[in-house]
Amino acid sequence: MRTNRIFRNWTLALAGALAGAGLLLAAAPAMAATICIDTRQIDSQKVEGHGSSILFKMKDGGSWRNTLKAPCPDLDFEGFVWTVRNPDNTVCENMQSMRVLRSGQICMLGKFTRVDSPKPSR
């Protein structure tokens, strides 16, 4: 009888642990794919929000906004340079740094957000 009680308590504890693990797995968000843009397709860029984001206009008419990981105020006044070290010439969110030309300030890309392009007027 004591053995049955121990086994039953162990079984209930195991079932509770598995149920808790299932809830944790169900609550975990799906991993989103990293967004990268092709630097050869950038038509222009504009610094926004006193160096807190950059709007990249693409040759296909679309645009992407990158919210930098931290404000980079020197971007308001001076250009930047980055070194792309991959064969597909892309820069990816949360992975690419840039250096402001005259001040040398280092800025880090954050999250990319797709910005809808205005519809062409007829």
N, C-alpha and C. Protein backbone atom coordinates (compact mmCIF):
# COMPACT_ATOMS: atom_id res chain seq x y z
N MET A 1 0.82 -1.18 0.00
CA MET A 1 0.00 0.00 0.00
C MET A 1 0.87 1.26 0.00
N ARG A 2 1.92 1.26 0.81
CA ARG A 2 2.85 2.39 0.84
C ARG A 2 3.51 2.57 -0.53
N THR A 3 3.86 1.49 -1.20
CA THR A 3 4.48 1.54 -2.51
C THR A 3 3.53 2.16 -3.52
N ASN A 4 2.25 1.81 -3.45
CA ASN A 4 1.26 2.39 -4.36
C ASN A 4 1.13 3.89 -4.16
N ARG A 5 1.15 4.35 -2.89
CA ARG A 5 1.03 5.77 -2.60
C ARG A 5 2.25 6.53 -3.13
N ILE A 6 3.44 5.97 -2.94
CA ILE A 6 4.65 6.62 -3.44
C ILE A 6 4.62 6.69 -4.97
N PHE A 7 4.23 5.59 -5.60
CA PHE A 7 4.15 5.56 -7.06
C PHE A 7 3.13 6.57 -7.56
N ARG A 8 1.97 6.64 -6.90
CA ARG A 8 0.92 7.58 -7.31
C ARG A 8 1.40 9.02 -7.14
N ASN A 9 2.06 9.34 -6.02
CA ASN A 9 2.58 10.69 -5.80
C ASN A 9 3.64 11.04 -6.84
N TRP A 10 4.51 10.09 -7.16
CA TRP A 10 5.56 10.30 -8.16
C TRP A 10 4.93 10.54 -9.54
N THR A 11 3.90 9.76 -9.86
CA THR A 11 3.20 9.89 -11.14
C THR A 11 2.53 11.26 -11.24
N LEU A 12 1.89 11.70 -10.16
CA LEU A 12 1.24 13.02 -10.16
C LEU A 12 2.27 14.13 -10.30
N ALA A 13 3.41 13.99 -9.63
CA ALA A 13 4.46 15.00 -9.73
C ALA A 13 5.00 15.06 -11.16
N LEU A 14 5.23 13.91 -11.78
CA LEU A 14 5.72 13.85 -13.14
C LEU A 14 4.71 14.46 -14.11
N ALA A 15 3.44 14.14 -13.93
CA ALA A 15 2.38 14.69 -14.79
C ALA A 15 2.32 16.21 -14.65
N GLY A 16 2.45 16.71 -13.42
CA GLY A 16 2.44 18.15 -13.19
C GLY A 16 3.62 18.83 -13.85
N ALA A 17 4.79 18.21 -13.75
CA ALA A 17 5.99 18.78 -14.37
C ALA A 17 5.84 18.83 -15.88
N LEU A 18 5.33 17.75 -16.47
CA LEU A 18 5.15 17.72 -17.92
C LEU A 18 4.12 18.74 -18.37
N ALA A 19 3.05 18.89 -17.60
CA ALA A 19 2.02 19.88 -17.95
C ALA A 19 2.62 21.28 -17.88
N GLY A 20 3.42 21.56 -16.85
CA GLY A 20 4.06 22.86 -16.72
C GLY A 20 5.00 23.12 -17.88
N ALA A 21 5.77 22.11 -18.28
CA ALA A 21 6.68 22.27 -19.41
C ALA A 21 5.89 22.54 -20.68
N GLY A 22 4.77 21.88 -20.85
CA GLY A 22 3.93 22.11 -22.03
C GLY A 22 3.40 23.53 -22.07
N LEU A 23 3.03 24.06 -20.91
CA LEU A 23 2.57 25.45 -20.87
C LEU A 23 3.70 26.41 -21.23
N LEU A 24 4.90 26.12 -20.74
CA LEU A 24 6.03 26.98 -21.08
C LEU A 24 6.31 26.95 -22.58
N LEU A 25 6.26 25.78 -23.18
CA LEU A 25 6.50 25.67 -24.61
C LEU A 25 5.41 26.38 -25.40
N ALA A 26 4.17 26.25 -24.95
CA ALA A 26 3.07 26.90 -25.66
C ALA A 26 3.17 28.41 -25.55
N ALA A 27 3.71 28.91 -24.44
CA ALA A 27 3.81 30.36 -24.25
C ALA A 27 5.01 30.96 -24.94
N ALA A 28 5.99 30.16 -25.32
CA ALA A 28 7.20 30.69 -25.95
C ALA A 28 6.87 31.19 -27.35
N PRO A 29 7.27 32.43 -27.69
CA PRO A 29 6.97 32.94 -29.03
C PRO A 29 7.82 32.24 -30.08
N ALA A 30 7.29 32.18 -31.26
CA ALA A 30 8.04 31.58 -32.38
C ALA A 30 9.22 32.49 -32.72
N MET A 31 10.32 31.89 -33.09
CA MET A 31 11.51 32.66 -33.45
C MET A 31 11.26 33.31 -34.81
N ALA A 32 11.41 34.62 -34.85
CA ALA A 32 11.22 35.35 -36.10
C ALA A 32 12.52 35.32 -36.90
N ALA A 33 12.39 35.33 -38.19
CA ALA A 33 13.56 35.33 -39.07
C ALA A 33 14.24 36.70 -38.99
N THR A 34 15.55 36.71 -39.09
CA THR A 34 16.31 37.95 -39.11
C THR A 34 16.10 38.64 -40.46
N ILE A 35 15.85 39.95 -40.42
CA ILE A 35 15.64 40.71 -41.64
C ILE A 35 16.96 41.33 -42.08
N CYS A 36 17.31 41.12 -43.34
CA CYS A 36 18.51 41.69 -43.94
C CYS A 36 18.09 42.44 -45.20
N ILE A 37 18.79 43.52 -45.49
CA ILE A 37 18.53 44.23 -46.74
C ILE A 37 19.80 44.24 -47.59
N ASP A 38 19.60 44.23 -48.89
CA ASP A 38 20.71 44.23 -49.85
C ASP A 38 21.20 45.66 -50.02
N THR A 39 22.44 45.91 -49.68
CA THR A 39 22.97 47.27 -49.77
C THR A 39 23.02 47.79 -51.21
N ARG A 40 23.08 46.88 -52.18
CA ARG A 40 23.09 47.30 -53.59
C ARG A 40 21.73 47.82 -54.02
N GLN A 41 20.69 47.52 -53.24
CA GLN A 41 19.34 47.94 -53.59
C GLN A 41 18.90 49.20 -52.85
N ILE A 42 19.79 49.76 -52.01
CA ILE A 42 19.45 51.00 -51.29
C ILE A 42 19.57 52.16 -52.27
N ASP A 43 18.49 52.93 -52.41
CA ASP A 43 18.49 54.10 -53.28
C ASP A 43 18.91 55.35 -52.51
N SER A 44 18.42 55.47 -51.26
CA SER A 44 18.78 56.61 -50.41
C SER A 44 18.49 56.24 -48.96
N GLN A 45 19.05 57.04 -48.07
CA GLN A 45 18.75 56.85 -46.65
C GLN A 45 18.58 58.21 -46.00
N LYS A 46 17.76 58.24 -44.94
CA LYS A 46 17.50 59.49 -44.23
C LYS A 46 17.51 59.19 -42.74
N VAL A 47 18.31 59.96 -42.00
CA VAL A 47 18.37 59.82 -40.55
C VAL A 47 17.13 60.48 -39.97
N GLU A 48 16.51 59.82 -39.01
CA GLU A 48 15.28 60.33 -38.38
C GLU A 48 15.45 60.37 -36.86
N GLY A 49 14.63 61.20 -36.24
CA GLY A 49 14.54 61.21 -34.77
C GLY A 49 15.85 61.51 -34.07
N HIS A 50 16.60 62.49 -34.57
CA HIS A 50 17.88 62.88 -33.95
C HIS A 50 18.82 61.70 -33.80
N GLY A 51 18.87 60.86 -34.82
CA GLY A 51 19.80 59.74 -34.83
C GLY A 51 19.29 58.48 -34.16
N SER A 52 17.97 58.37 -34.00
CA SER A 52 17.43 57.16 -33.37
C SER A 52 17.01 56.11 -34.40
N SER A 53 16.83 56.53 -35.66
CA SER A 53 16.47 55.56 -36.71
C SER A 53 16.95 56.07 -38.07
N ILE A 54 16.98 55.13 -39.01
CA ILE A 54 17.36 55.46 -40.39
C ILE A 54 16.29 54.86 -41.30
N LEU A 55 15.80 55.67 -42.23
CA LEU A 55 14.84 55.21 -43.22
C LEU A 55 15.60 54.92 -44.50
N PHE A 56 15.55 53.67 -44.95
CA PHE A 56 16.22 53.25 -46.17
C PHE A 56 15.17 53.14 -47.28
N LYS A 57 15.32 53.93 -48.32
CA LYS A 57 14.44 53.82 -49.50
C LYS A 57 15.15 52.91 -50.48
N MET A 58 14.40 51.93 -50.98
CA MET A 58 14.97 50.91 -51.85
C MET A 58 14.66 51.22 -53.31
N LYS A 59 15.46 50.67 -54.20
CA LYS A 59 15.28 50.89 -55.64
C LYS A 59 13.96 50.34 -56.16
N ASP A 60 13.39 49.35 -55.45
CA ASP A 60 12.11 48.79 -55.89
C ASP A 60 10.91 49.62 -55.44
N GLY A 61 11.17 50.76 -54.78
CA GLY A 61 10.09 51.63 -54.33
C GLY A 61 9.69 51.38 -52.89
N GLY A 62 10.11 50.27 -52.31
CA GLY A 62 9.80 50.00 -50.91
C GLY A 62 10.74 50.75 -50.00
N SER A 63 10.47 50.67 -48.72
CA SER A 63 11.37 51.29 -47.76
C SER A 63 11.36 50.51 -46.44
N TRP A 64 12.48 50.61 -45.75
CA TRP A 64 12.67 49.94 -44.46
C TRP A 64 13.15 50.97 -43.45
N ARG A 65 12.61 50.92 -42.25
CA ARG A 65 13.09 51.77 -41.16
C ARG A 65 13.86 50.88 -40.20
N ASN A 66 15.05 51.34 -39.81
CA ASN A 66 15.80 50.64 -38.80
C ASN A 66 15.87 51.52 -37.56
N THR A 67 15.37 50.99 -36.45
CA THR A 67 15.47 51.67 -35.17
C THR A 67 16.78 51.22 -34.54
N LEU A 68 17.72 52.14 -34.44
CA LEU A 68 19.04 51.81 -33.94
C LEU A 68 18.97 51.31 -32.50
N LYS A 69 19.94 50.50 -32.11
CA LYS A 69 19.95 49.95 -30.75
C LYS A 69 20.08 51.04 -29.71
N ALA A 70 20.76 52.11 -30.04
CA ALA A 70 20.90 53.27 -29.15
C ALA A 70 20.95 54.51 -30.04
N PRO A 71 20.52 55.65 -29.53
CA PRO A 71 20.59 56.86 -30.34
C PRO A 71 22.02 57.14 -30.79
N CYS A 72 22.15 57.67 -31.99
CA CYS A 72 23.45 57.96 -32.59
C CYS A 72 23.36 59.40 -33.13
N PRO A 73 23.41 60.40 -32.24
CA PRO A 73 23.11 61.77 -32.65
C PRO A 73 24.04 62.35 -33.71
N ASP A 74 25.27 61.88 -33.80
CA ASP A 74 26.17 62.42 -34.82
C ASP A 74 25.71 62.10 -36.24
N LEU A 75 24.84 61.09 -36.39
CA LEU A 75 24.31 60.77 -37.73
C LEU A 75 23.50 61.92 -38.31
N ASP A 76 22.94 62.78 -37.45
CA ASP A 76 22.16 63.93 -37.92
C ASP A 76 22.98 64.88 -38.78
N PHE A 77 24.28 64.95 -38.53
CA PHE A 77 25.12 65.97 -39.15
C PHE A 77 26.12 65.42 -40.15
N GLU A 78 26.45 64.14 -40.03
CA GLU A 78 27.52 63.58 -40.84
C GLU A 78 27.10 62.22 -41.39
N GLY A 79 27.71 61.81 -42.48
CA GLY A 79 27.41 60.51 -43.07
C GLY A 79 28.05 59.37 -42.29
N PHE A 80 27.84 58.17 -42.77
CA PHE A 80 28.40 57.00 -42.10
C PHE A 80 29.00 56.04 -43.13
N VAL A 81 29.78 55.13 -42.63
CA VAL A 81 30.36 54.08 -43.46
C VAL A 81 30.21 52.77 -42.72
N TRP A 82 29.97 51.71 -43.48
CA TRP A 82 29.97 50.38 -42.87
C TRP A 82 30.75 49.44 -43.76
N THR A 83 31.24 48.39 -43.17
CA THR A 83 31.98 47.37 -43.91
C THR A 83 31.11 46.14 -44.00
N VAL A 84 30.78 45.76 -45.23
CA VAL A 84 29.94 44.57 -45.45
C VAL A 84 30.88 43.43 -45.80
N ARG A 85 30.82 42.39 -44.98
CA ARG A 85 31.78 41.29 -45.14
C ARG A 85 31.12 39.99 -45.57
N ASN A 86 30.06 40.06 -46.31
CA ASN A 86 29.45 38.82 -46.80
C ASN A 86 29.25 38.91 -48.31
N PRO A 87 29.24 37.78 -48.98
CA PRO A 87 29.18 37.80 -50.44
C PRO A 87 27.86 38.31 -51.02
N ASP A 88 26.78 38.29 -50.23
CA ASP A 88 25.50 38.76 -50.79
C ASP A 88 25.24 40.24 -50.51
N ASN A 89 26.23 40.94 -49.94
CA ASN A 89 26.15 42.40 -49.72
C ASN A 89 24.93 42.84 -48.93
N THR A 90 24.56 42.07 -47.92
CA THR A 90 23.43 42.44 -47.09
C THR A 90 23.89 42.94 -45.73
N VAL A 91 23.04 43.77 -45.12
CA VAL A 91 23.21 44.15 -43.73
C VAL A 91 21.97 43.66 -43.00
N CYS A 92 22.18 43.11 -41.82
CA CYS A 92 21.09 42.47 -41.08
C CYS A 92 20.83 43.19 -39.76
N GLU A 93 19.56 43.16 -39.37
CA GLU A 93 19.17 43.80 -38.12
C GLU A 93 19.93 43.17 -36.95
N ASN A 94 20.27 44.01 -36.00
CA ASN A 94 20.95 43.61 -34.77
C ASN A 94 22.32 42.98 -34.98
N MET A 95 22.90 43.11 -36.18
CA MET A 95 24.20 42.48 -36.46
C MET A 95 25.21 43.42 -37.09
N GLN A 96 24.81 44.58 -37.54
CA GLN A 96 25.69 45.44 -38.32
C GLN A 96 25.99 46.73 -37.57
N SER A 97 27.26 47.09 -37.55
CA SER A 97 27.64 48.39 -36.98
C SER A 97 28.03 49.33 -38.13
N MET A 98 28.04 50.62 -37.80
CA MET A 98 28.46 51.63 -38.75
C MET A 98 29.26 52.68 -37.99
N ARG A 99 30.11 53.39 -38.70
CA ARG A 99 30.93 54.43 -38.07
C ARG A 99 30.61 55.77 -38.71
N VAL A 100 30.32 56.76 -37.87
CA VAL A 100 30.06 58.11 -38.37
C VAL A 100 31.38 58.67 -38.88
N LEU A 101 31.35 59.29 -40.06
CA LEU A 101 32.58 59.68 -40.76
C LEU A 101 33.50 60.59 -39.95
N ARG A 102 33.06 61.74 -39.52
CA ARG A 102 33.99 62.70 -38.90
C ARG A 102 34.17 62.46 -37.41
N SER A 103 33.13 62.08 -36.70
CA SER A 103 33.26 61.93 -35.24
C SER A 103 33.80 60.56 -34.84
N GLY A 104 33.59 59.56 -35.71
CA GLY A 104 34.03 58.20 -35.36
C GLY A 104 33.05 57.46 -34.47
N GLN A 105 31.91 58.07 -34.15
CA GLN A 105 30.91 57.41 -33.31
C GLN A 105 30.49 56.10 -33.95
N ILE A 106 30.38 55.04 -33.16
CA ILE A 106 29.96 53.73 -33.65
C ILE A 106 28.48 53.55 -33.30
N CYS A 107 27.70 53.18 -34.30
CA CYS A 107 26.26 52.98 -34.14
C CYS A 107 25.93 51.55 -34.55
N MET A 108 24.90 50.99 -33.95
CA MET A 108 24.52 49.60 -34.22
C MET A 108 23.09 49.53 -34.72
N LEU A 109 22.91 48.83 -35.85
CA LEU A 109 21.55 48.63 -36.36
C LEU A 109 20.74 47.85 -35.33
N GLY A 110 19.47 48.20 -35.24
CA GLY A 110 18.53 47.47 -34.41
C GLY A 110 17.56 46.72 -35.30
N LYS A 111 16.29 46.81 -34.99
CA LYS A 111 15.23 46.08 -35.69
C LYS A 111 14.80 46.82 -36.96
N PHE A 112 14.63 46.07 -38.05
CA PHE A 112 14.07 46.61 -39.28
C PHE A 112 12.55 46.48 -39.25
N THR A 113 11.88 47.51 -39.75
CA THR A 113 10.42 47.50 -39.90
C THR A 113 10.11 47.90 -41.32
N ARG A 114 9.27 47.12 -41.98
CA ARG A 114 8.86 47.44 -43.36
C ARG A 114 7.94 48.64 -43.30
N VAL A 115 8.20 49.61 -44.17
CA VAL A 115 7.38 50.82 -44.27
C VAL A 115 6.69 50.77 -45.63
N ASP A 116 5.37 50.90 -45.64
CA ASP A 116 4.64 50.87 -46.91
C ASP A 116 4.96 52.10 -47.72
N SER A 117 5.24 51.89 -48.98
CA SER A 117 5.50 53.01 -49.89
C SER A 117 4.18 53.66 -50.28
N PRO A 118 4.21 54.99 -50.50
CA PRO A 118 2.98 55.62 -50.97
C PRO A 118 2.63 55.13 -52.38
N LYS A 119 1.38 55.04 -52.65
CA LYS A 119 0.94 54.60 -53.98
C LYS A 119 1.27 55.69 -55.00
N PRO A 120 1.71 55.30 -56.19
CA PRO A 120 1.98 56.32 -57.22
C PRO A 120 0.70 57.07 -57.58
N SER A 121 0.84 58.38 -57.75
CA SER A 121 -0.34 59.15 -58.14
C SER A 121 -0.63 58.95 -59.62
N ARG A 122 -1.89 59.04 -59.97
CA ARG A 122 -2.29 58.81 -61.37
C ARG A 122 -2.50 60.08 -62.09
